[in-house]
N, C-alpha and C. Protein backbone atom coordinates (compact mmCIF):
# COMPACT_ATOMS: atom_id res chain seq x y z
N UNK A 1 21.46 6.39 4.75
CA UNK A 1 20.38 6.89 3.92
C UNK A 1 19.08 6.16 4.20
N UNK A 2 18.85 5.73 5.38
CA UNK A 2 17.66 4.98 5.70
C UNK A 2 16.40 5.81 5.78
N UNK A 3 16.54 7.10 6.05
CA UNK A 3 15.36 7.94 6.20
C UNK A 3 15.12 8.73 4.93
N UNK A 4 13.82 8.93 4.57
CA UNK A 4 13.53 9.73 3.38
C UNK A 4 14.12 11.12 3.46
N UNK A 5 14.22 11.69 4.65
CA UNK A 5 14.78 13.03 4.79
C UNK A 5 16.26 13.05 4.41
N UNK A 6 16.90 11.88 4.41
CA UNK A 6 18.31 11.79 4.02
C UNK A 6 18.49 11.77 2.51
N UNK A 7 17.42 11.51 1.76
CA UNK A 7 17.52 11.45 0.31
C UNK A 7 17.70 12.84 -0.26
N UNK A 8 18.50 12.95 -1.29
CA UNK A 8 18.66 14.23 -1.99
C UNK A 8 17.29 14.63 -2.54
N UNK A 9 16.97 15.91 -2.45
CA UNK A 9 15.69 16.42 -2.94
C UNK A 9 15.40 15.89 -4.34
N UNK A 10 14.25 15.28 -4.53
CA UNK A 10 13.86 14.78 -5.84
C UNK A 10 14.30 13.36 -6.13
N UNK A 11 15.14 12.79 -5.30
CA UNK A 11 15.64 11.44 -5.55
C UNK A 11 14.54 10.40 -5.45
N UNK A 12 13.59 10.58 -4.55
CA UNK A 12 12.50 9.61 -4.40
C UNK A 12 11.71 9.49 -5.69
N UNK A 13 11.45 10.61 -6.34
CA UNK A 13 10.74 10.57 -7.62
C UNK A 13 11.50 9.72 -8.63
N UNK A 14 12.80 9.93 -8.72
CA UNK A 14 13.64 9.16 -9.63
C UNK A 14 13.57 7.67 -9.30
N UNK A 15 13.66 7.32 -8.03
CA UNK A 15 13.62 5.92 -7.62
C UNK A 15 12.29 5.27 -7.98
N UNK A 16 11.21 6.00 -7.78
CA UNK A 16 9.88 5.46 -8.11
C UNK A 16 9.75 5.28 -9.62
N UNK A 17 10.10 6.31 -10.39
CA UNK A 17 9.99 6.22 -11.84
C UNK A 17 10.82 5.05 -12.38
N UNK A 18 12.02 4.89 -11.87
CA UNK A 18 12.90 3.80 -12.32
C UNK A 18 12.30 2.44 -11.95
N UNK A 19 11.71 2.35 -10.77
CA UNK A 19 11.15 1.09 -10.30
C UNK A 19 9.94 0.65 -11.13
N UNK A 20 9.08 1.59 -11.51
CA UNK A 20 7.90 1.20 -12.29
C UNK A 20 8.16 1.18 -13.79
N UNK A 21 9.37 1.55 -14.21
CA UNK A 21 9.70 1.55 -15.64
C UNK A 21 9.67 0.14 -16.22
N UNK A 22 10.02 -0.85 -15.43
CA UNK A 22 10.08 -2.22 -15.93
C UNK A 22 8.70 -2.88 -16.01
N UNK A 23 7.89 -2.66 -14.97
CA UNK A 23 6.55 -3.24 -14.93
C UNK A 23 5.72 -2.51 -13.89
N UNK A 24 4.38 -2.50 -14.06
CA UNK A 24 3.53 -1.87 -13.05
C UNK A 24 3.68 -2.55 -11.69
N UNK A 25 3.68 -1.75 -10.65
CA UNK A 25 3.78 -2.27 -9.29
C UNK A 25 2.84 -1.48 -8.38
N UNK A 26 2.37 -2.15 -7.33
CA UNK A 26 1.56 -1.44 -6.34
C UNK A 26 2.50 -0.78 -5.33
N UNK A 27 1.96 0.16 -4.56
CA UNK A 27 2.78 0.98 -3.68
C UNK A 27 3.71 0.21 -2.77
N UNK A 28 3.17 -0.78 -2.06
CA UNK A 28 4.00 -1.54 -1.14
C UNK A 28 5.14 -2.23 -1.89
N UNK A 29 4.85 -2.77 -3.08
CA UNK A 29 5.88 -3.46 -3.86
C UNK A 29 6.95 -2.50 -4.36
N UNK A 30 6.57 -1.25 -4.65
CA UNK A 30 7.55 -0.25 -5.07
C UNK A 30 8.54 0.00 -3.94
N UNK A 31 8.00 0.25 -2.75
CA UNK A 31 8.87 0.48 -1.59
C UNK A 31 9.75 -0.70 -1.28
N UNK A 32 9.18 -1.90 -1.36
CA UNK A 32 9.95 -3.12 -1.08
C UNK A 32 11.06 -3.33 -2.11
N UNK A 33 10.76 -3.05 -3.39
CA UNK A 33 11.76 -3.23 -4.45
C UNK A 33 12.93 -2.26 -4.26
N UNK A 34 12.63 -1.02 -3.92
CA UNK A 34 13.69 -0.04 -3.66
C UNK A 34 14.56 -0.51 -2.49
N UNK A 35 13.92 -1.02 -1.46
CA UNK A 35 14.65 -1.52 -0.29
C UNK A 35 15.53 -2.71 -0.68
N UNK A 36 14.98 -3.64 -1.47
CA UNK A 36 15.75 -4.83 -1.88
C UNK A 36 16.95 -4.45 -2.74
N UNK A 37 16.71 -3.62 -3.75
CA UNK A 37 17.80 -3.26 -4.67
C UNK A 37 18.90 -2.49 -3.94
N UNK A 38 18.52 -1.69 -2.95
CA UNK A 38 19.52 -0.90 -2.20
C UNK A 38 20.15 -1.69 -1.06
N UNK A 39 19.86 -2.99 -0.98
CA UNK A 39 20.39 -3.83 0.10
C UNK A 39 20.01 -3.28 1.47
N UNK A 40 18.75 -2.88 1.58
CA UNK A 40 18.16 -2.38 2.83
C UNK A 40 18.70 -1.02 3.29
N UNK A 41 19.46 -0.34 2.46
CA UNK A 41 19.95 0.99 2.83
C UNK A 41 18.82 2.00 2.74
N UNK A 42 18.00 1.90 1.68
CA UNK A 42 16.87 2.82 1.49
C UNK A 42 15.58 2.14 1.92
N UNK A 43 14.94 2.71 2.90
CA UNK A 43 13.66 2.20 3.38
C UNK A 43 12.67 3.36 3.34
N UNK A 44 11.79 3.33 2.35
CA UNK A 44 10.86 4.42 2.12
C UNK A 44 9.60 4.18 2.95
N UNK A 45 9.26 5.14 3.78
CA UNK A 45 8.05 5.01 4.59
C UNK A 45 6.81 5.28 3.76
N UNK A 46 5.68 4.75 4.21
CA UNK A 46 4.42 5.01 3.52
C UNK A 46 4.10 6.49 3.49
N UNK A 47 4.48 7.19 4.55
CA UNK A 47 4.23 8.62 4.64
C UNK A 47 4.99 9.44 3.61
N UNK A 48 6.05 8.88 3.04
CA UNK A 48 6.79 9.53 1.96
C UNK A 48 6.39 8.97 0.60
N UNK A 49 6.18 7.65 0.55
CA UNK A 49 5.92 6.98 -0.71
C UNK A 49 4.59 7.39 -1.33
N UNK A 50 3.51 7.31 -0.57
CA UNK A 50 2.19 7.54 -1.16
C UNK A 50 1.97 9.00 -1.60
N UNK A 51 2.44 9.99 -0.84
CA UNK A 51 2.35 11.36 -1.38
C UNK A 51 3.16 11.53 -2.67
N UNK A 52 4.31 10.87 -2.76
CA UNK A 52 5.13 10.95 -3.98
C UNK A 52 4.40 10.29 -5.15
N UNK A 53 3.78 9.13 -4.90
CA UNK A 53 3.01 8.47 -5.96
C UNK A 53 1.87 9.36 -6.44
N UNK A 54 1.19 9.98 -5.50
CA UNK A 54 0.08 10.88 -5.85
C UNK A 54 0.59 12.06 -6.68
N UNK A 55 1.70 12.64 -6.27
CA UNK A 55 2.28 13.78 -6.99
C UNK A 55 2.70 13.37 -8.41
N UNK A 56 3.35 12.23 -8.55
CA UNK A 56 3.78 11.76 -9.86
C UNK A 56 2.58 11.46 -10.77
N UNK A 57 1.52 10.96 -10.16
CA UNK A 57 0.30 10.69 -10.94
C UNK A 57 -0.34 12.01 -11.39
N UNK A 58 -0.37 13.01 -10.53
CA UNK A 58 -0.92 14.32 -10.90
C UNK A 58 -0.12 14.97 -12.02
N UNK A 59 1.19 14.71 -12.05
CA UNK A 59 2.04 15.28 -13.08
C UNK A 59 1.94 14.51 -14.39
N UNK A 60 1.24 13.38 -14.37
CA UNK A 60 1.06 12.59 -15.57
C UNK A 60 2.22 11.67 -15.90
N UNK A 61 3.11 11.45 -14.94
CA UNK A 61 4.28 10.61 -15.18
C UNK A 61 4.02 9.14 -14.89
N UNK A 62 3.05 8.87 -14.03
CA UNK A 62 2.62 7.50 -13.79
C UNK A 62 1.10 7.47 -13.84
N UNK A 63 0.57 6.28 -14.07
CA UNK A 63 -0.88 6.11 -14.12
C UNK A 63 -1.26 4.94 -13.23
N UNK A 64 -2.27 5.14 -12.40
CA UNK A 64 -2.74 4.08 -11.51
C UNK A 64 -3.78 3.23 -12.23
N UNK A 65 -3.63 1.92 -12.07
CA UNK A 65 -4.59 0.97 -12.64
C UNK A 65 -5.00 0.01 -11.53
N UNK A 66 -6.30 -0.31 -11.43
CA UNK A 66 -6.71 -1.26 -10.40
C UNK A 66 -6.21 -2.67 -10.72
N UNK A 67 -5.91 -3.42 -9.69
CA UNK A 67 -5.47 -4.80 -9.87
C UNK A 67 -5.47 -5.51 -8.54
N UNK A 68 -4.98 -6.73 -8.56
CA UNK A 68 -4.87 -7.52 -7.34
C UNK A 68 -3.44 -7.94 -7.11
N UNK A 69 -3.04 -7.91 -5.86
CA UNK A 69 -1.71 -8.36 -5.49
C UNK A 69 -1.66 -9.89 -5.58
N UNK A 70 -0.47 -10.45 -5.43
CA UNK A 70 -0.35 -11.91 -5.47
C UNK A 70 -1.10 -12.59 -4.32
N UNK A 71 -1.45 -11.81 -3.29
CA UNK A 71 -2.22 -12.36 -2.17
C UNK A 71 -3.72 -12.15 -2.36
N UNK A 72 -4.10 -11.54 -3.50
CA UNK A 72 -5.52 -11.34 -3.79
C UNK A 72 -6.10 -10.03 -3.27
N UNK A 73 -5.28 -9.18 -2.72
CA UNK A 73 -5.74 -7.88 -2.20
C UNK A 73 -5.88 -6.88 -3.34
N UNK A 74 -6.98 -6.13 -3.34
CA UNK A 74 -7.16 -5.07 -4.33
C UNK A 74 -6.15 -3.96 -4.06
N UNK A 75 -5.55 -3.44 -5.12
CA UNK A 75 -4.55 -2.39 -4.98
C UNK A 75 -4.46 -1.59 -6.27
N UNK A 76 -3.87 -0.40 -6.15
CA UNK A 76 -3.55 0.40 -7.34
C UNK A 76 -2.17 -0.01 -7.82
N UNK A 77 -2.07 -0.31 -9.10
CA UNK A 77 -0.78 -0.62 -9.70
C UNK A 77 -0.36 0.58 -10.53
N UNK A 78 0.86 1.03 -10.31
CA UNK A 78 1.36 2.23 -10.96
C UNK A 78 2.26 1.85 -12.13
N UNK A 79 1.99 2.48 -13.28
CA UNK A 79 2.76 2.22 -14.49
C UNK A 79 3.29 3.55 -15.03
N UNK A 80 4.42 3.48 -15.68
CA UNK A 80 5.03 4.66 -16.28
C UNK A 80 4.26 5.05 -17.55
N UNK A 81 4.01 6.33 -17.73
CA UNK A 81 3.37 6.83 -18.94
C UNK A 81 4.47 7.25 -19.93
N UNK A 82 4.06 7.62 -21.14
CA UNK A 82 5.04 8.11 -22.12
C UNK A 82 5.73 9.37 -21.58
N UNK A 83 4.96 10.25 -20.96
CA UNK A 83 5.55 11.45 -20.35
C UNK A 83 6.49 11.06 -19.21
N UNK A 84 6.15 10.00 -18.50
CA UNK A 84 6.99 9.51 -17.42
C UNK A 84 8.32 8.97 -17.92
N UNK A 85 8.29 8.32 -19.09
CA UNK A 85 9.54 7.81 -19.68
C UNK A 85 10.47 8.97 -20.03
N UNK A 86 9.89 10.05 -20.57
CA UNK A 86 10.70 11.23 -20.89
C UNK A 86 11.26 11.86 -19.62
N UNK A 87 10.41 11.93 -18.60
CA UNK A 87 10.85 12.52 -17.33
C UNK A 87 11.93 11.66 -16.69
N UNK A 88 11.79 10.34 -16.77
CA UNK A 88 12.79 9.44 -16.22
C UNK A 88 14.15 9.70 -16.87
N UNK A 89 14.16 9.85 -18.18
CA UNK A 89 15.42 10.14 -18.88
C UNK A 89 16.03 11.45 -18.37
N UNK A 90 15.20 12.47 -18.17
CA UNK A 90 15.69 13.75 -17.65
C UNK A 90 16.24 13.59 -16.24
N UNK A 91 15.48 12.86 -15.40
CA UNK A 91 15.90 12.66 -14.01
C UNK A 91 17.20 11.87 -13.94
N UNK A 92 17.37 10.87 -14.79
CA UNK A 92 18.61 10.09 -14.81
C UNK A 92 19.79 10.97 -15.22
N UNK A 93 19.56 11.85 -16.20
CA UNK A 93 20.62 12.77 -16.63
C UNK A 93 21.00 13.71 -15.49
N UNK A 94 20.00 14.26 -14.80
CA UNK A 94 20.27 15.15 -13.67
C UNK A 94 21.03 14.41 -12.57
N UNK A 95 20.62 13.17 -12.31
CA UNK A 95 21.27 12.38 -11.27
C UNK A 95 22.74 12.12 -11.64
N UNK A 96 23.00 11.79 -12.90
CA UNK A 96 24.37 11.55 -13.34
C UNK A 96 25.23 12.80 -13.14
N UNK A 97 24.69 13.96 -13.51
CA UNK A 97 25.45 15.20 -13.34
C UNK A 97 25.70 15.49 -11.87
N UNK A 98 24.66 15.35 -11.04
CA UNK A 98 24.79 15.63 -9.62
C UNK A 98 25.77 14.67 -8.94
N UNK A 99 25.62 13.37 -9.20
CA UNK A 99 26.50 12.41 -8.53
C UNK A 99 27.95 12.56 -8.98
N UNK A 100 28.16 12.91 -10.24
CA UNK A 100 29.51 13.17 -10.72
C UNK A 100 30.11 14.40 -10.03
N UNK A 101 29.31 15.46 -9.93
CA UNK A 101 29.79 16.70 -9.29
C UNK A 101 30.11 16.46 -7.81
N UNK A 102 29.24 15.76 -7.11
CA UNK A 102 29.50 15.48 -5.69
C UNK A 102 30.77 14.63 -5.57
N UNK A 103 30.91 13.64 -6.43
CA UNK A 103 32.10 12.81 -6.41
C UNK A 103 33.37 13.61 -6.63
N UNK A 104 33.33 14.56 -7.53
CA UNK A 104 34.50 15.42 -7.78
C UNK A 104 34.88 16.22 -6.55
N UNK A 105 33.88 16.79 -5.89
CA UNK A 105 34.14 17.59 -4.70
C UNK A 105 34.69 16.72 -3.57
N UNK A 106 34.09 15.58 -3.36
CA UNK A 106 34.52 14.70 -2.28
C UNK A 106 35.92 14.18 -2.51
N UNK A 107 36.25 13.82 -3.73
CA UNK A 107 37.57 13.26 -4.03
C UNK A 107 38.65 14.35 -4.20
N UNK A 108 38.25 15.58 -4.41
CA UNK A 108 39.20 16.68 -4.65
C UNK A 108 40.10 16.89 -3.44
N UNK A 109 39.59 16.69 -2.26
CA UNK A 109 40.35 16.94 -1.05
C UNK A 109 41.36 15.83 -0.74
N UNK A 110 41.33 14.76 -1.50
CA UNK A 110 42.25 13.64 -1.23
C UNK A 110 43.64 13.91 -1.71
């Protein structure tokens, strides 16, 4: 699952929403956190990450705030909105249903 094209449709949105749910993060830190938590299995390219961030911001699920990174670089920090928290709950529910269904199909043949 190293390539974004390998992710199930819509999974990137879920990963981003979950990542910024705890605290605001800038784009590079979001991608790095997903990579760290997945033990380097998921590596989100900038070409996938930034369009997704823009889309989520347009939908009102995250909000960009100016800030500085720990190295002093100016960056946009993305935070979850109230609408984003509701969407995250929906996305988690959909993910649970999907992963359970896939698991049933995969294990059924055993």
